[in-house]
Each structure stands twice: as structure tokens, then as C-alpha cells.
PDB file of N, CA and C in Angstrom:
ATOM      1  N   MET A   1       9.124  32.945 -27.975  1.00  0.00           N
ATOM      2  CA  MET A   1       8.254  31.239 -27.824  1.00  0.00           C
ATOM      3  C   MET A   1       9.022  30.881 -27.438  1.00  0.00           C
ATOM      4  N   ARG A   2      10.830  30.656 -27.562  1.00  0.00           N
ATOM      5  CA  ARG A   2      11.378  29.207 -27.284  1.00  0.00           C
ATOM      6  C   ARG A   2      11.249  29.184 -25.939  1.00  0.00           C
ATOM      7  N   LYS A   3      11.238  30.678 -24.596  1.00  0.00           N
ATOM      8  CA  LYS A   3      10.853  30.651 -23.349  1.00  0.00           C
ATOM      9  C   LYS A   3       9.835  29.995 -23.158  1.00  0.00           C
ATOM     10  N   LEU A   4       8.893  30.406 -23.769  1.00  0.00           N
ATOM     11  CA  LEU A   4       7.426  29.956 -23.321  1.00  0.00           C
ATOM     12  C   LEU A   4       7.633  28.122 -23.793  1.00  0.00           C
ATOM     13  N   LEU A   5       7.595  27.590 -24.944  1.00  0.00           N
ATOM     14  CA  LEU A   5       7.597  26.113 -24.761  1.00  0.00           C
ATOM     15  C   LEU A   5       8.986  25.971 -23.986  1.00  0.00           C
ATOM     16  N   ILE A   6      10.418  26.216 -23.667  1.00  0.00           N
ATOM     17  CA  ILE A   6      10.763  25.771 -22.081  1.00  0.00           C
ATOM     18  C   ILE A   6       9.457  25.729 -20.685  1.00  0.00           C
ATOM     19  N   LEU A   7       9.351  26.725 -20.830  1.00  0.00           N
ATOM     20  CA  LEU A   7       8.856  26.735 -19.681  1.00  0.00           C
ATOM     21  C   LEU A   7       6.973  26.030 -19.258  1.00  0.00           C
ATOM     22  N   LEU A   8       6.806  25.719 -20.528  1.00  0.00           N
ATOM     23  CA  LEU A   8       5.527  24.883 -20.971  1.00  0.00           C
ATOM     24  C   LEU A   8       5.898  23.329 -20.513  1.00  0.00           C
ATOM     25  N   ALA A   9       7.246  23.010 -21.553  1.00  0.00           N
ATOM     26  CA  ALA A   9       8.187  22.213 -21.288  1.00  0.00           C
ATOM     27  C   ALA A   9       8.463  21.627 -19.382  1.00  0.00           C
ATOM     28  N   LEU A  10       8.647  22.403 -19.065  1.00  0.00           N
ATOM     29  CA  LEU A  10       9.100  22.256 -17.659  1.00  0.00           C
ATOM     30  C   LEU A  10       8.012  21.723 -16.399  1.00  0.00           C
ATOM     31  N   GLY A  11       7.224  23.062 -16.842  1.00  0.00           N
ATOM     32  CA  GLY A  11       5.681  22.644 -16.189  1.00  0.00           C
ATOM     33  C   GLY A  11       5.269  21.255 -16.372  1.00  0.00           C
ATOM     34  N   ALA A  12       4.984  20.439 -17.538  1.00  0.00           N
ATOM     35  CA  ALA A  12       4.625  19.695 -17.822  1.00  0.00           C
ATOM     36  C   ALA A  12       5.134  18.155 -17.102  1.00  0.00           C
ATOM     37  N   VAL A  13       6.624  18.662 -16.723  1.00  0.00           N
ATOM     38  CA  VAL A  13       7.030  17.510 -15.572  1.00  0.00           C
ATOM     39  C   VAL A  13       6.941  17.625 -14.786  1.00  0.00           C
ATOM     40  N   VAL A  14       7.114  19.137 -14.192  1.00  0.00           N
ATOM     41  CA  VAL A  14       6.839  19.148 -12.817  1.00  0.00           C
ATOM     42  C   VAL A  14       5.512  18.517 -12.623  1.00  0.00           C
ATOM     43  N   ALA A  15       4.045  18.890 -12.900  1.00  0.00           N
ATOM     44  CA  ALA A  15       2.894  18.652 -13.010  1.00  0.00           C
ATOM     45  C   ALA A  15       3.269  16.928 -12.975  1.00  0.00           C
ATOM     46  N   GLY A  16       3.512  16.037 -14.175  1.00  0.00           N
ATOM     47  CA  GLY A  16       3.836  14.766 -13.695  1.00  0.00           C
ATOM     48  C   GLY A  16       4.493  14.472 -12.634  1.00  0.00           C
ATOM     49  N   ILE A  17       5.690  14.944 -12.049  1.00  0.00           N
ATOM     50  CA  ILE A  17       6.369  14.293 -10.986  1.00  0.00           C
ATOM     51  C   ILE A  17       5.412  14.652 -10.045  1.00  0.00           C
ATOM     52  N   GLY A  18       4.421  16.015  -9.285  1.00  0.00           N
ATOM     53  CA  GLY A  18       3.727  16.031  -8.444  1.00  0.00           C
ATOM     54  C   GLY A  18       2.720  14.893  -8.331  1.00  0.00           C
ATOM     55  N   THR A  19       1.827  14.423  -9.693  1.00  0.00           N
ATOM     56  CA  THR A  19       0.804  12.697  -9.676  1.00  0.00           C
ATOM     57  C   THR A  19       1.199  12.083  -9.372  1.00  0.00           C
ATOM     58  N   SER A  20       2.411  11.513 -10.006  1.00  0.00           N
ATOM     59  CA  SER A  20       2.683  10.545  -9.609  1.00  0.00           C
ATOM     60  C   SER A  20       3.236  10.372  -7.970  1.00  0.00           C
ATOM     61  N   PHE A  21       3.440  11.378  -7.028  1.00  0.00           N
ATOM     62  CA  PHE A  21       4.268  11.401  -6.390  1.00  0.00           C
ATOM     63  C   PHE A  21       2.570  11.351  -5.191  1.00  0.00           C
ATOM     64  N   ALA A  22       1.519  11.957  -5.689  1.00  0.00           N
ATOM     65  CA  ALA A  22       0.883  11.689  -4.471  1.00  0.00           C
ATOM     66  C   ALA A  22       0.001  10.424  -4.949  1.00  0.00           C
ATOM     67  N   LEU A  23      -0.459  10.144  -5.869  1.00  0.00           N
ATOM     68  CA  LEU A  23      -0.104   8.645  -6.308  1.00  0.00           C
ATOM     69  C   LEU A  23       0.412   7.331  -5.106  1.00  0.00           C
ATOM     70  N   ALA A  24       1.703   7.946  -5.039  1.00  0.00           N
ATOM     71  CA  ALA A  24       1.799   6.622  -4.740  1.00  0.00           C
ATOM     72  C   ALA A  24       2.568   7.160  -2.989  1.00  0.00           C
ATOM     73  N   ARG A  25       2.229   8.326  -2.864  1.00  0.00           N
ATOM     74  CA  ARG A  25       1.794   8.280  -0.797  1.00  0.00           C
ATOM     75  C   ARG A  25       0.547   7.039  -0.397  1.00  0.00           C
ATOM     76  N   GLY A  26      -0.255   6.572  -1.054  1.00  0.00           N
ATOM     77  CA  GLY A  26      -1.189   5.762  -0.432  1.00  0.00           C
ATOM     78  C   GLY A  26      -1.356   4.294  -1.414  1.00  0.00           C
ATOM     79  N   SER A  27      -2.129   4.098  -0.652  1.00  0.00           N
ATOM     80  CA  SER A  27      -2.847   2.467  -1.522  1.00  0.00           C
ATOM     81  C   SER A  27      -3.669   2.146  -0.732  1.00  0.00           C
ATOM     82  N   SER A  28      -4.586   1.438  -1.348  1.00  0.00           N
ATOM     83  CA  SER A  28      -5.702   0.563  -0.735  1.00  0.00           C
ATOM     84  C   SER A  28      -5.341  -1.299  -1.433  1.00  0.00           C
ATOM     85  N   VAL A  29      -6.261  -1.955  -0.061  1.00  0.00           N
ATOM     86  CA  VAL A  29      -5.666  -3.704  -0.354  1.00  0.00           C
ATOM     87  C   VAL A  29      -7.413  -3.926   0.310  1.00  0.00           C
ATOM     88  N   ALA A  30      -7.863  -4.967  -1.182  1.00  0.00           N
ATOM     89  CA  ALA A  30      -9.101  -5.672   0.104  1.00  0.00           C
ATOM     90  C   ALA A  30      -8.606  -6.844   0.233  1.00  0.00           C
ATOM     91  N   VAL A  31      -9.252  -6.897   1.624  1.00  0.00           N
ATOM     92  CA  VAL A  31      -9.097  -7.836   2.090  1.00  0.00           C
ATOM     93  C   VAL A  31     -10.177  -9.300   1.897  1.00  0.00           C
ATOM     94  N   THR A  32     -10.281 -10.158   0.960  1.00  0.00           N
ATOM     95  CA  THR A  32     -11.762 -11.436   0.813  1.00  0.00           C
ATOM     96  C   THR A  32     -11.270 -11.992   1.101  1.00  0.00           C
ATOM     97  N   ASP A  33     -12.458 -13.305   1.178  1.00  0.00           N
ATOM     98  CA  ASP A  33     -11.991 -14.825   1.364  1.00  0.00           C
ATOM     99  C   ASP A  33     -10.852 -15.493   1.534  1.00  0.00           C
ATOM    100  N   ASN A  34      -9.279 -15.698   2.185  1.00  0.00           N
ATOM    101  CA  ASN A  34      -8.868 -15.841   1.896  1.00  0.00           C
ATOM    102  C   ASN A  34      -7.804 -15.319   0.653  1.00  0.00           C
ATOM    103  N   ALA A  35      -8.189 -13.933   0.390  1.00  0.00           N
ATOM    104  CA  ALA A  35      -7.285 -13.558  -0.418  1.00  0.00           C
ATOM    105  C   ALA A  35      -7.026 -12.240  -0.365  1.00  0.00           C
ATOM    106  N   PHE A  36      -5.587 -11.146  -0.786  1.00  0.00           N
ATOM    107  CA  PHE A  36      -5.467  -9.889  -1.138  1.00  0.00           C
ATOM    108  C   PHE A  36      -5.441  -9.318  -2.593  1.00  0.00           C
ATOM    109  N   SER A  37      -6.205  -8.593  -2.264  1.00  0.00           N
ATOM    110  CA  SER A  37      -6.995  -7.830  -4.305  1.00  0.00           C
ATOM    111  C   SER A  37      -5.439  -7.294  -5.103  1.00  0.00           C
ATOM    112  N   LYS A  38      -4.064  -7.529  -3.699  1.00  0.00           N
ATOM    113  CA  LYS A  38      -2.976  -6.810  -4.813  1.00  0.00           C
ATOM    114  C   LYS A  38      -2.340  -7.768  -4.146  1.00  0.00           C
ATOM    115  N   GLY A  39      -1.264  -8.481  -5.076  1.00  0.00           N
ATOM    116  CA  GLY A  39       0.021  -9.021  -4.643  1.00  0.00           C
ATOM    117  C   GLY A  39       1.338  -8.508  -3.645  1.00  0.00           C
ATOM    118  N   THR A  40       1.322  -7.140  -4.463  1.00  0.00           N
ATOM    119  CA  THR A  40       2.400  -6.361  -4.098  1.00  0.00           C
ATOM    120  C   THR A  40       2.409  -4.584  -4.580  1.00  0.00           C
ATOM    121  N   VAL A  41       1.990  -4.048  -3.401  1.00  0.00           N
ATOM    122  CA  VAL A  41       1.690  -2.195  -3.577  1.00  0.00           C
ATOM    123  C   VAL A  41       3.617  -1.801  -2.986  1.00  0.00           C
ATOM    124  N   THR A  42       3.589  -0.065  -4.046  1.00  0.00           N
ATOM    125  CA  THR A  42       4.714   0.643  -4.003  1.00  0.00           C
ATOM    126  C   THR A  42       4.312   2.159  -3.419  1.00  0.00           C
ATOM    127  N   ILE A  43       4.707   2.651  -2.079  1.00  0.00           N
ATOM    128  CA  ILE A  43       4.567   3.322  -1.679  1.00  0.00           C
ATOM    129  C   ILE A  43       5.689   4.097  -1.679  1.00  0.00           C
ATOM    130  N   HIS A  44       5.849   5.752  -1.369  1.00  0.00           N
ATOM    131  CA  HIS A  44       6.603   6.131  -1.094  1.00  0.00           C
ATOM    132  C   HIS A  44       7.079   6.788   0.649  1.00  0.00           C
ATOM    133  N   LYS A  45       7.715   6.243   1.041  1.00  0.00           N
ATOM    134  CA  LYS A  45       7.836   6.802   2.821  1.00  0.00           C
ATOM    135  C   LYS A  45       7.595   7.889   3.174  1.00  0.00           C
ATOM    136  N   GLY A  46       6.538   6.946   4.070  1.00  0.00           N
ATOM    137  CA  GLY A  46       6.061   7.979   4.897  1.00  0.00           C
ATOM    138  C   GLY A  46       4.530   7.703   4.503  1.00  0.00           C
ATOM    139  N   GLY A  47       4.499   6.641   3.528  1.00  0.00           N
ATOM    140  CA  GLY A  47       3.045   6.668   2.814  1.00  0.00           C
ATOM    141  C   GLY A  47       2.423   5.753   3.877  1.00  0.00           C
ATOM    142  N   SER A  48       0.640   5.793   3.344  1.00  0.00           N
ATOM    143  CA  SER A  48       0.331   4.729   3.910  1.00  0.00           C
ATOM    144  C   SER A  48      -0.685   2.963   3.233  1.00  0.00           C
ATOM    145  N   VAL A  49      -0.265   2.429   3.771  1.00  0.00           N
ATOM    146  CA  VAL A  49      -1.192   1.341   3.403  1.00  0.00           C
ATOM    147  C   VAL A  49      -2.945   0.647   4.248  1.00  0.00           C
ATOM    148  N   THR A  50      -3.598   0.940   3.410  1.00  0.00           N
ATOM    149  CA  THR A  50      -4.896   1.029   4.169  1.00  0.00           C
ATOM    150  C   THR A  50      -5.557  -0.558   3.367  1.00  0.00           C
ATOM    151  N   TRP A  51      -6.040  -1.307   4.577  1.00  0.00           N
ATOM    152  CA  TRP A  51      -6.175  -2.307   3.933  1.00  0.00           C
ATOM    153  C   TRP A  51      -8.171  -2.771   4.430  1.00  0.00           C
ATOM    154  N   ARG A  52      -8.892  -2.961   3.421  1.00  0.00           N
ATOM    155  CA  ARG A  52     -10.630  -3.076   3.718  1.00  0.00           C
ATOM    156  C   ARG A  52     -11.242  -4.071   3.993  1.00  0.00           C
ATOM    157  N   TRP A  53     -11.677  -5.066   4.474  1.00  0.00           N
ATOM    158  CA  TRP A  53     -12.204  -6.110   4.518  1.00  0.00           C
ATOM    159  C   TRP A  53     -13.399  -5.892   3.604  1.00  0.00           C
ATOM    160  N   SER A  54     -14.024  -6.930   2.337  1.00  0.00           N
ATOM    161  CA  SER A  54     -14.814  -6.786   1.820  1.00  0.00           C
ATOM    162  C   SER A  54     -15.570  -8.287   1.386  1.00  0.00           C
ATOM    163  N   GLY A  55     -16.952  -7.929   1.931  1.00  0.00           N
ATOM    164  CA  GLY A  55     -17.459  -9.288   1.624  1.00  0.00           C
ATOM    165  C   GLY A  55     -16.968 -10.522   1.760  1.00  0.00           C
ATOM    166  N   THR A  56     -16.189 -10.593   3.370  1.00  0.00           N
ATOM    167  CA  THR A  56     -15.541 -11.502   3.612  1.00  0.00           C
ATOM    168  C   THR A  56     -16.458 -12.445   4.702  1.00  0.00           C
ATOM    169  N   GLY A  57     -16.630 -13.682   4.540  1.00  0.00           N
ATOM    170  CA  GLY A  57     -17.353 -14.163   5.916  1.00  0.00           C
ATOM    171  C   GLY A  57     -16.419 -14.658   7.116  1.00  0.00           C
ATOM    172  N   ASN A  58     -15.146 -14.579   6.645  1.00  0.00           N
ATOM    173  CA  ASN A  58     -14.029 -15.007   7.397  1.00  0.00           C
ATOM    174  C   ASN A  58     -12.996 -14.246   8.209  1.00  0.00           C
ATOM    175  N   ARG A  59     -12.419 -14.605   9.580  1.00  0.00           N
ATOM    176  CA  ARG A  59     -11.340 -13.366  10.395  1.00  0.00           C
ATOM    177  C   ARG A  59     -10.116 -13.545   9.568  1.00  0.00           C
ATOM    178  N   HIS A  60      -9.568 -12.125   9.517  1.00  0.00           N
ATOM    179  CA  HIS A  60      -8.303 -11.902   9.011  1.00  0.00           C
ATOM    180  C   HIS A  60      -7.750 -10.846   9.717  1.00  0.00           C
ATOM    181  N   ASN A  61      -6.077 -10.865   9.986  1.00  0.00           N
ATOM    182  CA  ASN A  61      -5.723 -10.184  10.335  1.00  0.00           C
ATOM    183  C   ASN A  61      -4.157  -9.395   9.196  1.00  0.00           C
ATOM    184  N   ILE A  62      -3.734  -8.214   9.660  1.00  0.00           N
ATOM    185  CA  ILE A  62      -2.544  -7.917   8.996  1.00  0.00           C
ATOM    186  C   ILE A  62      -1.314  -8.018   9.721  1.00  0.00           C
ATOM    187  N   THR A  63      -0.671  -9.111   9.234  1.00  0.00           N
ATOM    188  CA  THR A  63       0.747  -8.827  10.045  1.00  0.00           C
ATOM    189  C   THR A  63       2.191  -8.939   9.272  1.00  0.00           C
ATOM    190  N   ALA A  64       2.530  -8.215   9.407  1.00  0.00           N
ATOM    191  CA  ALA A  64       3.911  -7.992   9.375  1.00  0.00           C
ATOM    192  C   ALA A  64       5.031  -9.277  10.401  1.00  0.00           C
ATOM    193  N   ILE A  65       5.765  -9.849   9.161  1.00  0.00           N
ATOM    194  CA  ILE A  65       7.025 -10.774   8.928  1.00  0.00           C
ATOM    195  C   ILE A  65       8.104 -10.249   9.004  1.00  0.00           C
ATOM    196  N   LYS A  66       8.168  -9.645   8.130  1.00  0.00           N
ATOM    197  CA  LYS A  66       9.512  -9.142   7.279  1.00  0.00           C
ATOM    198  C   LYS A  66      10.076  -7.787   6.879  1.00  0.00           C
ATOM    199  N   GLY A  67      10.697  -7.039   7.406  1.00  0.00           N
ATOM    200  CA  GLY A  67      10.506  -5.656   7.274  1.00  0.00           C
ATOM    201  C   GLY A  67      10.052  -4.840   8.183  1.00  0.00           C
ATOM    202  N   GLY A  68       9.374  -5.160   8.981  1.00  0.00           N
ATOM    203  CA  GLY A  68       9.286  -4.016  10.336  1.00  0.00           C
ATOM    204  C   GLY A  68       8.460  -5.405  11.005  1.00  0.00           C
ATOM    205  N   LYS A  69       7.369  -4.419  12.361  1.00  0.00           N
ATOM    206  CA  LYS A  69       6.894  -5.541  13.152  1.00  0.00           C
ATOM    207  C   LYS A  69       5.610  -4.765  13.246  1.00  0.00           C
ATOM    208  N   PHE A  70       4.576  -4.873  12.752  1.00  0.00           N
ATOM    209  CA  PHE A  70       2.704  -4.495  13.109  1.00  0.00           C
ATOM    210  C   PHE A  70       2.235  -5.627  12.887  1.00  0.00           C
ATOM    211  N   HIS A  71       0.488  -5.205  13.306  1.00  0.00           N
ATOM    212  CA  HIS A  71      -0.171  -6.361  13.151  1.00  0.00           C
ATOM    213  C   HIS A  71      -1.806  -5.982  14.176  1.00  0.00           C
ATOM    214  N   SER A  72      -3.078  -6.310  12.864  1.00  0.00           N
ATOM    215  CA  SER A  72      -4.003  -6.062  13.381  1.00  0.00           C
ATOM    216  C   SER A  72      -4.715  -6.395  14.185  1.00  0.00           C
ATOM    217  N   LYS A  73      -5.487  -6.020  14.798  1.00  0.00           N
ATOM    218  CA  LYS A  73      -6.535  -7.412  15.564  1.00  0.00           C
ATOM    219  C   LYS A  73      -7.068  -8.234  14.449  1.00  0.00           C
ATOM    220  N   THR A  74      -7.492  -9.096  14.638  1.00  0.00           N
ATOM    221  CA  THR A  74      -8.649  -9.997  14.380  1.00  0.00           C
ATOM    222  C   THR A  74      -9.955  -9.415  13.781  1.00  0.00           C
ATOM    223  N   GLN A  75     -10.352  -9.777  12.684  1.00  0.00           N
ATOM    224  CA  GLN A  75     -11.574  -8.866  12.158  1.00  0.00           C
ATOM    225  C   GLN A  75     -12.398  -9.562  10.466  1.00  0.00           C
ATOM    226  N   ARG A  76     -13.785  -9.372  11.038  1.00  0.00           N
ATOM    227  CA  ARG A  76     -14.311  -9.931  10.250  1.00  0.00           C
ATOM    228  C   ARG A  76     -14.974  -8.657   9.156  1.00  0.00           C
ATOM    229  N   SER A  77     -14.774  -7.420   9.389  1.00  0.00           N
ATOM    230  CA  SER A  77     -14.987  -6.740   8.940  1.00  0.00           C
ATOM    231  C   SER A  77     -14.262  -4.945   9.209  1.00  0.00           C
ATOM    232  N   GLY A  78     -14.219  -3.816   7.961  1.00  0.00           N
ATOM    233  CA  GLY A  78     -13.755  -2.641   8.714  1.00  0.00           C
ATOM    234  C   GLY A  78     -12.347  -2.291   7.781  1.00  0.00           C
ATOM    235  N   SER A  79     -11.821  -2.033   8.181  1.00  0.00           N
ATOM    236  CA  SER A  79     -10.339  -1.711   7.673  1.00  0.00           C
ATOM    237  C   SER A  79      -8.960  -1.450   8.882  1.00  0.00           C
ATOM    238  N   TYR A  80      -8.022  -1.270   8.439  1.00  0.00           N
ATOM    239  CA  TYR A  80      -6.526  -1.368   9.358  1.00  0.00           C
ATOM    240  C   TYR A  80      -6.038  -0.537   8.478  1.00  0.00           C
ATOM    241  N   THR A  81      -5.034   0.781   9.050  1.00  0.00           N
ATOM    242  CA  THR A  81      -3.877   1.288   7.986  1.00  0.00           C
ATOM    243  C   THR A  81      -3.191   1.502   8.931  1.00  0.00           C
ATOM    244  N   HIS A  82      -1.777   1.094   8.431  1.00  0.00           N
ATOM    245  CA  HIS A  82      -0.522   1.323   8.471  1.00  0.00           C
ATOM    246  C   HIS A  82       0.144   2.216   7.893  1.00  0.00           C
ATOM    247  N   LYS A  83       1.300   2.937   8.579  1.00  0.00           N
ATOM    248  CA  LYS A  83       1.704   4.224   8.214  1.00  0.00           C
ATOM    249  C   LYS A  83       3.585   3.650   8.073  1.00  0.00           C
ATOM    250  N   PHE A  84       4.122   4.076   6.951  1.00  0.00           N
ATOM    251  CA  PHE A  84       5.123   3.520   6.645  1.00  0.00           C
ATOM    252  C   PHE A  84       5.873   4.195   6.567  1.00  0.00           C
ATOM    253  N   ARG A  85       7.057   4.048   7.699  1.00  0.00           N
ATOM    254  CA  ARG A  85       8.260   5.143   8.132  1.00  0.00           C
ATOM    255  C   ARG A  85       9.564   4.902   7.884  1.00  0.00           C
ATOM    256  N   LYS A  86       9.680   3.307   7.236  1.00  0.00           N
ATOM    257  CA  LYS A  86      10.847   2.994   6.852  1.00  0.00           C
ATOM    258  C   LYS A  86      10.861   2.779   5.496  1.00  0.00           C
ATOM    259  N   ARG A  87      11.893   3.416   4.618  1.00  0.00           N
ATOM    260  CA  ARG A  87      12.306   2.483   3.256  1.00  0.00           C
ATOM    261  C   ARG A  87      12.397   0.641   3.424  1.00  0.00           C
ATOM    262  N   GLY A  88      11.850   0.269   2.586  1.00  0.00           N
ATOM    263  CA  GLY A  88      12.314  -1.427   2.660  1.00  0.00           C
ATOM    264  C   GLY A  88      11.016  -2.170   2.249  1.00  0.00           C
ATOM    265  N   THR A  89      11.414  -3.185   1.642  1.00  0.00           N
ATOM    266  CA  THR A  89      10.374  -4.342   1.370  1.00  0.00           C
ATOM    267  C   THR A  89       9.819  -5.202   2.281  1.00  0.00           C
ATOM    268  N   TYR A  90       8.694  -5.439   2.629  1.00  0.00           N
ATOM    269  CA  TYR A  90       7.704  -5.635   4.129  1.00  0.00           C
ATOM    270  C   TYR A  90       6.891  -6.837   3.361  1.00  0.00           C
ATOM    271  N   THR A  91       7.106  -8.318   4.269  1.00  0.00           N
ATOM    272  CA  THR A  91       6.429  -9.163   3.834  1.00  0.00           C
ATOM    273  C   THR A  91       4.907  -8.971   4.856  1.00  0.00           C
ATOM    274  N   ILE A  92       3.751  -9.289   4.528  1.00  0.00           N
ATOM    275  CA  ILE A  92       2.468  -9.272   4.894  1.00  0.00           C
ATOM    276  C   ILE A  92       1.922 -10.501   4.396  1.00  0.00           C
ATOM    277  N   ILE A  93       1.681 -10.741   5.904  1.00  0.00           N
ATOM    278  CA  ILE A  93       0.532 -12.005   6.484  1.00  0.00           C
ATOM    279  C   ILE A  93      -0.957 -11.460   6.525  1.00  0.00           C
ATOM    280  N   CYS A  94      -1.861 -12.468   6.856  1.00  0.00           N
ATOM    281  CA  CYS A  94      -3.062 -12.555   7.783  1.00  0.00           C
ATOM    282  C   CYS A  94      -2.481 -14.231   7.948  1.00  0.00           C
ATOM    283  N   SER A  95      -2.197 -13.848   9.452  1.00  0.00           N
ATOM    284  CA  SER A  95      -1.260 -15.579  10.481  1.00  0.00           C
ATOM    285  C   SER A  95      -2.555 -16.324  10.203  1.00  0.00           C
ATOM    286  N   ILE A  96      -3.772 -16.235  10.064  1.00  0.00           N
ATOM    287  CA  ILE A  96      -4.575 -17.370  10.538  1.00  0.00           C
ATOM    288  C   ILE A  96      -4.760 -18.360   8.590  1.00  0.00           C
ATOM    289  N   HIS A  97      -4.363 -17.676   7.884  1.00  0.00           N
ATOM    290  CA  HIS A  97      -4.327 -18.256   6.439  1.00  0.00           C
ATOM    291  C   HIS A  97      -3.100 -17.552   5.539  1.00  0.00           C
ATOM    292  N   SER A  98      -1.884 -17.820   6.130  1.00  0.00           N
ATOM    293  CA  SER A  98      -0.857 -17.182   5.564  1.00  0.00           C
ATOM    294  C   SER A  98      -0.112 -18.578   4.839  1.00  0.00           C
ATOM    295  N   ARG A  99      -0.416 -19.250   4.609  1.00  0.00           N
ATOM    296  CA  ARG A  99      -0.459 -20.065   3.623  1.00  0.00           C
ATOM    297  C   ARG A  99      -0.500 -19.559   1.846  1.00  0.00           C
ATOM    298  N   VAL A 100      -2.176 -18.845   1.974  1.00  0.00           N
ATOM    299  CA  VAL A 100      -2.387 -18.312   0.771  1.00  0.00           C
ATOM    300  C   VAL A 100      -2.896 -16.551   0.515  1.00  0.00           C
ATOM    301  N   MET A 101      -2.200 -16.356   2.062  1.00  0.00           N
ATOM    302  CA  MET A 101      -2.411 -15.009   2.118  1.00  0.00           C
ATOM    303  C   MET A 101      -1.238 -14.259   2.206  1.00  0.00           C
ATOM    304  N   ARG A 102      -0.907 -13.537   0.862  1.00  0.00           N
ATOM    305  CA  ARG A 102       0.856 -13.060   1.101  1.00  0.00           C
ATOM    306  C   ARG A 102       0.428 -11.900   0.112  1.00  0.00           C
ATOM    307  N   MET A 103       1.521 -11.190   0.840  1.00  0.00           N
ATOM    308  CA  MET A 103       1.829  -9.903   0.081  1.00  0.00           C
ATOM    309  C   MET A 103       3.122  -8.704   0.613  1.00  0.00           C
ATOM    310  N   LYS A 104       3.062  -8.129  -0.774  1.00  0.00           N
ATOM    311  CA  LYS A 104       4.475  -7.061  -0.315  1.00  0.00           C
ATOM    312  C   LYS A 104       3.959  -5.624  -0.206  1.00  0.00           C
ATOM    313  N   VAL A 105       4.399  -5.091   0.860  1.00  0.00           N
ATOM    314  CA  VAL A 105       4.984  -3.528   0.808  1.00  0.00           C
ATOM    315  C   VAL A 105       6.213  -3.206   0.100  1.00  0.00           C
ATOM    316  N   ARG A 106       6.477  -2.666  -0.481  1.00  0.00           N
ATOM    317  CA  ARG A 106       7.662  -1.936  -1.287  1.00  0.00           C
ATOM    318  C   ARG A 106       7.570  -0.307  -1.041  1.00  0.00           C
ATOM    319  N   VAL A 107       8.593   0.327   0.312  1.00  0.00           N
ATOM    320  CA  VAL A 107       8.316   1.571   0.256  1.00  0.00           C
ATOM    321  C   VAL A 107       9.950   2.383  -0.101  1.00  0.00           C
ATOM    322  N   LEU A 108       9.593   2.945  -0.677  1.00  0.00           N
ATOM    323  CA  LEU A 108      10.632   4.155  -1.955  1.00  0.00           C
ATOM    324  C   LEU A 108      11.421   5.457  -0.655  1.00  0.00           C
TER     325      LEU A 108
END
């Protein structure tokens, strides 16, 4: 009986680790009129963030200004995905609306 309880507890721990790891492999952020839907997202190294334009009439882009260098095209609709291969904290802006459209991506 004791071995069964240990195995069940170990299985629950492993399942919990697997679930949290899967959830942190990627994230989605809405790009709305002059705002990102999230101020900070946290993902694991090798994970991706997808920015999705949602109901915006304005043109926006995704630009990394700290932690790495990447830049999306400027667009009114669609999406942009970036895979993060290095750990660190990235500062992301829309270069057109940089005063109000800022966020961070933490890569563990």
C-alpha cells in the first residue's frame, strides 16, 4: 500500500511538471488599438510568442529594443510569431506607438 501511495504521489508531481512546462512553451498576445493585451509574458527557452492583431484600425509592429533584435512588418491585421532561443528579459514595443505600447517577454 505504501509503495502504491508513493507511486501515485510521484505520478501527480510528474504530471504537474509536464503540464506547467507545456503551458509555458508559448504565449499569445492581442495587439489592439494602441495596446498589448499583456504587460509581461513568461515562457521557456525555445518557446514562442504570437502577437495577433485584433480589431485594430491602426497600423502596428512588434519591435524588440532590449534583450534581442527582431522586428515585424507594420500591419493592420494578421499575426507575427517569434521563437525565443536565448534566456533573458526582452522589451517589446510598437515603434509607431512606443510611449503606450510596451511589454516584456521573460524567457526562462
